[in-house]
PDB file of N, CA and C in Angstrom:
ATOM      1  N   MET A   1       9.169  34.664   4.396  1.00  0.00           N
ATOM      2  CA  MET A   1      10.117  35.178   3.434  1.00  0.00           C
ATOM      3  C   MET A   1      11.088  34.059   3.069  1.00  0.00           C
ATOM      4  N   TRP A   2      11.324  33.876   1.775  1.00  0.00           N
ATOM      5  CA  TRP A   2      12.208  32.841   1.262  1.00  0.00           C
ATOM      6  C   TRP A   2      13.660  33.303   1.299  1.00  0.00           C
ATOM      7  N   PRO A   3      14.597  32.382   1.575  1.00  0.00           N
ATOM      8  CA  PRO A   3      16.018  32.737   1.436  1.00  0.00           C
ATOM      9  C   PRO A   3      16.302  33.094  -0.023  1.00  0.00           C
ATOM     10  N   VAL A   4      17.299  33.924  -0.240  1.00  0.00           N
ATOM     11  CA  VAL A   4      17.614  34.404  -1.580  1.00  0.00           C
ATOM     12  C   VAL A   4      19.052  34.030  -1.938  1.00  0.00           C
ATOM     13  N   THR A   5      19.274  33.627  -3.221  1.00  0.00           N
ATOM     14  CA  THR A   5      20.621  33.321  -3.690  1.00  0.00           C
ATOM     15  C   THR A   5      21.357  34.615  -4.024  1.00  0.00           C
ATOM     16  N   LYS A   6      22.613  34.505  -4.403  1.00  0.00           N
ATOM     17  CA  LYS A   6      23.403  35.685  -4.778  1.00  0.00           C
ATOM     18  C   LYS A   6      22.795  36.400  -5.971  1.00  0.00           C
ATOM     19  N   ARG A   7      22.113  35.684  -6.819  1.00  0.00           N
ATOM     20  CA  ARG A   7      21.480  36.283  -8.001  1.00  0.00           C
ATOM     21  C   ARG A   7      20.142  36.938  -7.663  1.00  0.00           C
ATOM     22  N   GLY A   8      19.696  36.798  -6.435  1.00  0.00           N
ATOM     23  CA  GLY A   8      18.424  37.395  -6.042  1.00  0.00           C
ATOM     24  C   GLY A   8      17.226  36.496  -6.279  1.00  0.00           C
ATOM     25  N   GLU A   9      17.479  35.210  -6.603  1.00  0.00           N
ATOM     26  CA  GLU A   9      16.385  34.271  -6.837  1.00  0.00           C
ATOM     27  C   GLU A   9      15.951  33.638  -5.517  1.00  0.00           C
ATOM     28  N   ALA A  10      14.661  33.467  -5.347  1.00  0.00           N
ATOM     29  CA  ALA A  10      14.144  32.825  -4.139  1.00  0.00           C
ATOM     30  C   ALA A  10      14.482  31.336  -4.167  1.00  0.00           C
ATOM     31  N   VAL A  11      14.793  30.787  -3.007  1.00  0.00           N
ATOM     32  CA  VAL A  11      15.118  29.379  -2.872  1.00  0.00           C
ATOM     33  C   VAL A  11      14.059  28.718  -2.008  1.00  0.00           C
ATOM     34  N   ASN A  12      13.518  27.634  -2.505  1.00  0.00           N
ATOM     35  CA  ASN A  12      12.516  26.877  -1.752  1.00  0.00           C
ATOM     36  C   ASN A  12      13.236  25.781  -0.978  1.00  0.00           C
ATOM     37  N   LEU A  13      13.193  25.838   0.337  1.00  0.00           N
ATOM     38  CA  LEU A  13      13.893  24.866   1.169  1.00  0.00           C
ATOM     39  C   LEU A  13      12.951  23.815   1.769  1.00  0.00           C
ATOM     40  N   ARG A  14      11.790  23.634   1.156  1.00  0.00           N
ATOM     41  CA  ARG A  14      10.839  22.658   1.664  1.00  0.00           C
ATOM     42  C   ARG A  14      11.437  21.253   1.557  1.00  0.00           C
ATOM     43  N   VAL A  15      11.272  20.475   2.597  1.00  0.00           N
ATOM     44  CA  VAL A  15      11.788  19.111   2.627  1.00  0.00           C
ATOM     45  C   VAL A  15      10.611  18.152   2.492  1.00  0.00           C
ATOM     46  N   THR A  16      10.754  17.210   1.596  1.00  0.00           N
ATOM     47  CA  THR A  16       9.727  16.194   1.414  1.00  0.00           C
ATOM     48  C   THR A  16      10.216  14.902   2.030  1.00  0.00           C
ATOM     49  N   ARG A  17       9.385  14.328   2.901  1.00  0.00           N
ATOM     50  CA  ARG A  17       9.736  13.058   3.528  1.00  0.00           C
ATOM     51  C   ARG A  17       9.186  11.912   2.716  1.00  0.00           C
ATOM     52  N   ILE A  18      10.027  10.991   2.376  1.00  0.00           N
ATOM     53  CA  ILE A  18       9.594   9.803   1.650  1.00  0.00           C
ATOM     54  C   ILE A  18       9.172   8.762   2.682  1.00  0.00           C
ATOM     55  N   PRO A  19       7.940   8.244   2.537  1.00  0.00           N
ATOM     56  CA  PRO A  19       7.484   7.257   3.522  1.00  0.00           C
ATOM     57  C   PRO A  19       8.346   5.998   3.489  1.00  0.00           C
ATOM     58  N   SER A  20       8.450   5.361   4.641  1.00  0.00           N
ATOM     59  CA  SER A  20       9.229   4.129   4.711  1.00  0.00           C
ATOM     60  C   SER A  20       8.503   3.010   3.972  1.00  0.00           C
ATOM     61  N   ARG A  21       9.256   1.987   3.606  1.00  0.00           N
ATOM     62  CA  ARG A  21       8.672   0.845   2.905  1.00  0.00           C
ATOM     63  C   ARG A  21       7.749   0.089   3.856  1.00  0.00           C
ATOM     64  N   PRO A  22       6.645  -0.422   3.334  1.00  0.00           N
ATOM     65  CA  PRO A  22       5.758  -1.210   4.198  1.00  0.00           C
ATOM     66  C   PRO A  22       6.445  -2.504   4.644  1.00  0.00           C
ATOM     67  N   LYS A  23       6.110  -2.947   5.841  1.00  0.00           N
ATOM     68  CA  LYS A  23       6.690  -4.185   6.367  1.00  0.00           C
ATOM     69  C   LYS A  23       5.979  -5.391   5.766  1.00  0.00           C
ATOM     70  N   GLU A  24       6.690  -6.497   5.729  1.00  0.00           N
ATOM     71  CA  GLU A  24       6.128  -7.748   5.221  1.00  0.00           C
ATOM     72  C   GLU A  24       4.880  -8.125   6.027  1.00  0.00           C
ATOM     73  N   MET A  25       3.966  -8.865   5.391  1.00  0.00           N
ATOM     74  CA  MET A  25       2.760  -9.344   6.061  1.00  0.00           C
ATOM     75  C   MET A  25       2.714 -10.860   5.959  1.00  0.00           C
ATOM     76  N   SER A  26       2.209 -11.466   6.993  1.00  0.00           N
ATOM     77  CA  SER A  26       2.064 -12.924   6.983  1.00  0.00           C
ATOM     78  C   SER A  26       0.862 -13.307   6.118  1.00  0.00           C
ATOM     79  N   PRO A  27       0.844 -14.526   5.633  1.00  0.00           N
ATOM     80  CA  PRO A  27      -0.320 -14.996   4.876  1.00  0.00           C
ATOM     81  C   PRO A  27      -1.624 -14.877   5.689  1.00  0.00           C
ATOM     82  N   GLN A  28      -1.532 -15.143   6.992  1.00  0.00           N
ATOM     83  CA  GLN A  28      -2.724 -15.048   7.846  1.00  0.00           C
ATOM     84  C   GLN A  28      -3.232 -13.605   7.925  1.00  0.00           C
ATOM     85  N   GLU A  29      -2.313 -12.639   7.967  1.00  0.00           N
ATOM     86  CA  GLU A  29      -2.706 -11.228   8.030  1.00  0.00           C
ATOM     87  C   GLU A  29      -3.390 -10.797   6.733  1.00  0.00           C
ATOM     88  N   ILE A  30      -2.864 -11.242   5.615  1.00  0.00           N
ATOM     89  CA  ILE A  30      -3.470 -10.904   4.317  1.00  0.00           C
ATOM     90  C   ILE A  30      -4.876 -11.489   4.227  1.00  0.00           C
ATOM     91  N   ARG A  31      -5.025 -12.731   4.646  1.00  0.00           N
ATOM     92  CA  ARG A  31      -6.341 -13.379   4.650  1.00  0.00           C
ATOM     93  C   ARG A  31      -7.300 -12.645   5.589  1.00  0.00           C
ATOM     94  N   ARG A  32      -6.803 -12.228   6.748  1.00  0.00           N
ATOM     95  CA  ARG A  32      -7.653 -11.503   7.706  1.00  0.00           C
ATOM     96  C   ARG A  32      -8.156 -10.187   7.109  1.00  0.00           C
ATOM     97  N   ILE A  33      -7.285  -9.470   6.407  1.00  0.00           N
ATOM     98  CA  ILE A  33      -7.685  -8.206   5.770  1.00  0.00           C
ATOM     99  C   ILE A  33      -8.765  -8.464   4.724  1.00  0.00           C
ATOM    100  N   ARG A  34      -8.551  -9.488   3.892  1.00  0.00           N
ATOM    101  CA  ARG A  34      -9.537  -9.810   2.852  1.00  0.00           C
ATOM    102  C   ARG A  34     -10.882 -10.176   3.464  1.00  0.00           C
ATOM    103  N   ARG A  35     -10.845 -10.982   4.506  1.00  0.00           N
ATOM    104  CA  ARG A  35     -12.102 -11.389   5.148  1.00  0.00           C
ATOM    105  C   ARG A  35     -12.790 -10.228   5.851  1.00  0.00           C
ATOM    106  N   ALA A  36     -11.996  -9.309   6.410  1.00  0.00           N
ATOM    107  CA  ALA A  36     -12.583  -8.119   7.044  1.00  0.00           C
ATOM    108  C   ALA A  36     -13.323  -7.265   6.019  1.00  0.00           C
ATOM    109  N   LEU A  37     -12.849  -7.297   4.775  1.00  0.00           N
ATOM    110  CA  LEU A  37     -13.509  -6.571   3.697  1.00  0.00           C
ATOM    111  C   LEU A  37     -14.677  -7.356   3.102  1.00  0.00           C
ATOM    112  N   LYS A  38     -14.856  -8.604   3.580  1.00  0.00           N
ATOM    113  CA  LYS A  38     -15.901  -9.504   3.068  1.00  0.00           C
ATOM    114  C   LYS A  38     -15.770  -9.665   1.552  1.00  0.00           C
ATOM    115  N   ALA A  39     -14.529  -9.858   1.112  1.00  0.00           N
ATOM    116  CA  ALA A  39     -14.248  -9.979  -0.316  1.00  0.00           C
ATOM    117  C   ALA A  39     -13.758 -11.387  -0.646  1.00  0.00           C
ATOM    118  N   SER A  40     -14.202 -11.890  -1.791  1.00  0.00           N
ATOM    119  CA  SER A  40     -13.661 -13.149  -2.299  1.00  0.00           C
ATOM    120  C   SER A  40     -12.243 -12.874  -2.801  1.00  0.00           C
ATOM    121  N   GLN A  41     -11.496 -13.931  -3.075  1.00  0.00           N
ATOM    122  CA  GLN A  41     -10.144 -13.736  -3.612  1.00  0.00           C
ATOM    123  C   GLN A  41     -10.170 -12.992  -4.951  1.00  0.00           C
ATOM    124  N   PRO A  42     -11.085 -13.332  -5.879  1.00  0.00           N
ATOM    125  CA  PRO A  42     -11.117 -12.583  -7.143  1.00  0.00           C
ATOM    126  C   PRO A  42     -11.462 -11.099  -6.949  1.00  0.00           C
ATOM    127  N   LEU A  43     -12.404 -10.791  -6.054  1.00  0.00           N
ATOM    128  CA  LEU A  43     -12.768  -9.397  -5.810  1.00  0.00           C
ATOM    129  C   LEU A  43     -11.620  -8.644  -5.144  1.00  0.00           C
ATOM    130  N   PHE A  44     -10.994  -9.273  -4.168  1.00  0.00           N
ATOM    131  CA  PHE A  44      -9.850  -8.670  -3.485  1.00  0.00           C
ATOM    132  C   PHE A  44      -8.718  -8.400  -4.476  1.00  0.00           C
ATOM    133  N   ALA A  45      -8.492  -9.337  -5.398  1.00  0.00           N
ATOM    134  CA  ALA A  45      -7.471  -9.156  -6.430  1.00  0.00           C
ATOM    135  C   ALA A  45      -7.795  -7.939  -7.295  1.00  0.00           C
ATOM    136  N   THR A  46      -9.061  -7.749  -7.602  1.00  0.00           N
ATOM    137  CA  THR A  46      -9.475  -6.580  -8.379  1.00  0.00           C
ATOM    138  C   THR A  46      -9.197  -5.295  -7.612  1.00  0.00           C
ATOM    139  N   TYR A  47      -9.500  -5.277  -6.321  1.00  0.00           N
ATOM    140  CA  TYR A  47      -9.223  -4.094  -5.497  1.00  0.00           C
ATOM    141  C   TYR A  47      -7.747  -3.714  -5.557  1.00  0.00           C
ATOM    142  N   LEU A  48      -6.869  -4.737  -5.540  1.00  0.00           N
ATOM    143  CA  LEU A  48      -5.424  -4.504  -5.480  1.00  0.00           C
ATOM    144  C   LEU A  48      -4.769  -4.453  -6.860  1.00  0.00           C
ATOM    145  N   ASN A  49      -5.571  -4.692  -7.904  1.00  0.00           N
ATOM    146  CA  ASN A  49      -5.068  -4.693  -9.280  1.00  0.00           C
ATOM    147  C   ASN A  49      -3.981  -5.752  -9.482  1.00  0.00           C
ATOM    148  N   VAL A  50      -4.255  -6.939  -8.955  1.00  0.00           N
ATOM    149  CA  VAL A  50      -3.362  -8.092  -9.124  1.00  0.00           C
ATOM    150  C   VAL A  50      -4.212  -9.274  -9.572  1.00  0.00           C
ATOM    151  N   SER A  51      -3.569 -10.359  -9.900  1.00  0.00           N
ATOM    152  CA  SER A  51      -4.314 -11.553 -10.326  1.00  0.00           C
ATOM    153  C   SER A  51      -4.867 -12.305  -9.109  1.00  0.00           C
ATOM    154  N   THR A  52      -5.909 -13.069  -9.364  1.00  0.00           N
ATOM    155  CA  THR A  52      -6.465 -13.923  -8.313  1.00  0.00           C
ATOM    156  C   THR A  52      -5.411 -14.916  -7.845  1.00  0.00           C
ATOM    157  N   ASN A  53      -4.604 -15.399  -8.771  1.00  0.00           N
ATOM    158  CA  ASN A  53      -3.543 -16.342  -8.432  1.00  0.00           C
ATOM    159  C   ASN A  53      -2.542 -15.711  -7.461  1.00  0.00           C
ATOM    160  N   ALA A  54      -2.270 -14.420  -7.620  1.00  0.00           N
ATOM    161  CA  ALA A  54      -1.347 -13.727  -6.714  1.00  0.00           C
ATOM    162  C   ALA A  54      -1.909 -13.723  -5.289  1.00  0.00           C
ATOM    163  N   VAL A  55      -3.178 -13.380  -5.153  1.00  0.00           N
ATOM    164  CA  VAL A  55      -3.808 -13.357  -3.824  1.00  0.00           C
ATOM    165  C   VAL A  55      -3.785 -14.751  -3.214  1.00  0.00           C
ATOM    166  N   ARG A  56      -4.115 -15.762  -4.010  1.00  0.00           N
ATOM    167  CA  ARG A  56      -4.105 -17.143  -3.521  1.00  0.00           C
ATOM    168  C   ARG A  56      -2.703 -17.529  -3.042  1.00  0.00           C
ATOM    169  N   SER A  57      -1.694 -17.168  -3.817  1.00  0.00           N
ATOM    170  CA  SER A  57      -0.302 -17.487  -3.458  1.00  0.00           C
ATOM    171  C   SER A  57       0.129 -16.768  -2.194  1.00  0.00           C
ATOM    172  N   TRP A  58      -0.285 -15.516  -2.036  1.00  0.00           N
ATOM    173  CA  TRP A  58       0.060 -14.764  -0.808  1.00  0.00           C
ATOM    174  C   TRP A  58      -0.544 -15.445   0.402  1.00  0.00           C
ATOM    175  N   GLU A  59      -1.819 -15.852   0.281  1.00  0.00           N
ATOM    176  CA  GLU A  59      -2.512 -16.460   1.418  1.00  0.00           C
ATOM    177  C   GLU A  59      -1.984 -17.859   1.731  1.00  0.00           C
ATOM    178  N   GLN A  60      -1.406 -18.525   0.751  1.00  0.00           N
ATOM    179  CA  GLN A  60      -0.808 -19.838   0.983  1.00  0.00           C
ATOM    180  C   GLN A  60       0.647 -19.728   1.416  1.00  0.00           C
ATOM    181  N   GLY A  61       1.222 -18.536   1.281  1.00  0.00           N
ATOM    182  CA  GLY A  61       2.607 -18.323   1.683  1.00  0.00           C
ATOM    183  C   GLY A  61       3.638 -18.734   0.649  1.00  0.00           C
ATOM    184  N   THR A  62       3.206 -19.010  -0.590  1.00  0.00           N
ATOM    185  CA  THR A  62       4.170 -19.407  -1.626  1.00  0.00           C
ATOM    186  C   THR A  62       4.800 -18.206  -2.317  1.00  0.00           C
ATOM    187  N   ARG A  63       4.134 -17.060  -2.257  1.00  0.00           N
ATOM    188  CA  ARG A  63       4.681 -15.805  -2.787  1.00  0.00           C
ATOM    189  C   ARG A  63       4.401 -14.688  -1.805  1.00  0.00           C
ATOM    190  N   ARG A  64       5.130 -13.592  -1.958  1.00  0.00           N
ATOM    191  CA  ARG A  64       4.921 -12.422  -1.108  1.00  0.00           C
ATOM    192  C   ARG A  64       4.506 -11.239  -1.968  1.00  0.00           C
ATOM    193  N   PRO A  65       3.635 -10.367  -1.429  1.00  0.00           N
ATOM    194  CA  PRO A  65       3.218  -9.200  -2.202  1.00  0.00           C
ATOM    195  C   PRO A  65       4.390  -8.238  -2.437  1.00  0.00           C
ATOM    196  N   ARG A  66       4.389  -7.586  -3.592  1.00  0.00           N
ATOM    197  CA  ARG A  66       5.393  -6.571  -3.897  1.00  0.00           C
ATOM    198  C   ARG A  66       5.053  -5.285  -3.156  1.00  0.00           C
ATOM    199  N   GLN A  67       5.950  -4.317  -3.235  1.00  0.00           N
ATOM    200  CA  GLN A  67       5.824  -3.096  -2.442  1.00  0.00           C
ATOM    201  C   GLN A  67       4.515  -2.338  -2.696  1.00  0.00           C
ATOM    202  N   ALA A  68       4.103  -2.187  -3.958  1.00  0.00           N
ATOM    203  CA  ALA A  68       2.870  -1.446  -4.250  1.00  0.00           C
ATOM    204  C   ALA A  68       1.661  -2.144  -3.632  1.00  0.00           C
ATOM    205  N   ALA A  69       1.597  -3.465  -3.775  1.00  0.00           N
ATOM    206  CA  ALA A  69       0.489  -4.220  -3.200  1.00  0.00           C
ATOM    207  C   ALA A  69       0.546  -4.179  -1.674  1.00  0.00           C
ATOM    208  N   LEU A  70       1.745  -4.241  -1.109  1.00  0.00           N
ATOM    209  CA  LEU A  70       1.889  -4.144   0.352  1.00  0.00           C
ATOM    210  C   LEU A  70       1.360  -2.814   0.863  1.00  0.00           C
ATOM    211  N   LYS A  71       1.647  -1.747   0.140  1.00  0.00           N
ATOM    212  CA  LYS A  71       1.169  -0.424   0.550  1.00  0.00           C
ATOM    213  C   LYS A  71      -0.358  -0.392   0.556  1.00  0.00           C
ATOM    214  N   LEU A  72      -0.981  -0.955  -0.471  1.00  0.00           N
ATOM    215  CA  LEU A  72      -2.435  -1.010  -0.510  1.00  0.00           C
ATOM    216  C   LEU A  72      -2.992  -1.891   0.607  1.00  0.00           C
ATOM    217  N   LEU A  73      -2.299  -2.970   0.930  1.00  0.00           N
ATOM    218  CA  LEU A  73      -2.733  -3.829   2.038  1.00  0.00           C
ATOM    219  C   LEU A  73      -2.671  -3.078   3.372  1.00  0.00           C
ATOM    220  N   VAL A  74      -1.633  -2.276   3.555  1.00  0.00           N
ATOM    221  CA  VAL A  74      -1.509  -1.476   4.780  1.00  0.00           C
ATOM    222  C   VAL A  74      -2.670  -0.477   4.863  1.00  0.00           C
ATOM    223  N   ILE A  75      -2.981   0.167   3.741  1.00  0.00           N
ATOM    224  CA  ILE A  75      -4.100   1.116   3.708  1.00  0.00           C
ATOM    225  C   ILE A  75      -5.405   0.397   4.018  1.00  0.00           C
ATOM    226  N   ALA A  76      -5.592  -0.776   3.430  1.00  0.00           N
ATOM    227  CA  ALA A  76      -6.813  -1.553   3.680  1.00  0.00           C
ATOM    228  C   ALA A  76      -6.922  -1.934   5.145  1.00  0.00           C
ATOM    229  N   ARG A  77      -5.801  -2.318   5.755  1.00  0.00           N
ATOM    230  CA  ARG A  77      -5.805  -2.714   7.168  1.00  0.00           C
ATOM    231  C   ARG A  77      -6.186  -1.532   8.058  1.00  0.00           C
ATOM    232  N   LYS A  78      -5.715  -0.340   7.712  1.00  0.00           N
ATOM    233  CA  LYS A  78      -5.997   0.847   8.527  1.00  0.00           C
ATOM    234  C   LYS A  78      -7.409   1.367   8.344  1.00  0.00           C
ATOM    235  N   ASN A  79      -7.920   1.314   7.112  1.00  0.00           N
ATOM    236  CA  ASN A  79      -9.165   2.009   6.796  1.00  0.00           C
ATOM    237  C   ASN A  79     -10.347   1.113   6.461  1.00  0.00           C
ATOM    238  N   ASP A  80     -10.188  -0.159   6.549  1.00  0.00           N
ATOM    239  CA  ASP A  80     -11.239  -1.115   6.191  1.00  0.00           C
ATOM    240  C   ASP A  80     -11.831  -0.796   4.823  1.00  0.00           C
ATOM    241  N   LEU A  81     -13.139  -0.665   4.715  1.00  0.00           N
ATOM    242  CA  LEU A  81     -13.780  -0.531   3.421  1.00  0.00           C
ATOM    243  C   LEU A  81     -13.727   0.877   2.834  1.00  0.00           C
ATOM    244  N   ASP A  82     -13.394   1.883   3.587  1.00  0.00           N
ATOM    245  CA  ASP A  82     -13.466   3.263   3.108  1.00  0.00           C
ATOM    246  C   ASP A  82     -12.700   3.485   1.811  1.00  0.00           C
ATOM    247  N   TRP A  83     -11.550   2.833   1.634  1.00  0.00           N
ATOM    248  CA  TRP A  83     -10.722   3.072   0.447  1.00  0.00           C
ATOM    249  C   TRP A  83     -11.232   2.361  -0.793  1.00  0.00           C
ATOM    250  N   VAL A  84     -12.110   1.387  -0.622  1.00  0.00           N
ATOM    251  CA  VAL A  84     -12.591   0.601  -1.752  1.00  0.00           C
ATOM    252  C   VAL A  84     -13.715   1.314  -2.468  1.00  0.00           C
ATOM    253  N   ILE A  85     -14.576   1.964  -1.721  1.00  0.00           N
ATOM    254  CA  ILE A  85     -15.800   2.555  -2.287  1.00  0.00           C
ATOM    255  C   ILE A  85     -15.505   3.753  -3.145  1.00  0.00           C
TER     256      ILE A  85
END
């Protein structure tokens, strides 16, 4: 039974938890994930919807992945190839 306001309207008190931001990854960790997927840099870039240059820069440590790409990297690390197919 839902709580009711003074007007008799039902109130939904469901709480939605927002996931925490993914933690930074080292260039070696990003390379390890890509190699575990047996993907070239261009193919890995396609999986993540980023440029090949971005993947190369992440693996060299000159740039860091943004939050959306980090989230996909975390998923890839947890699930290996299942998310790609």
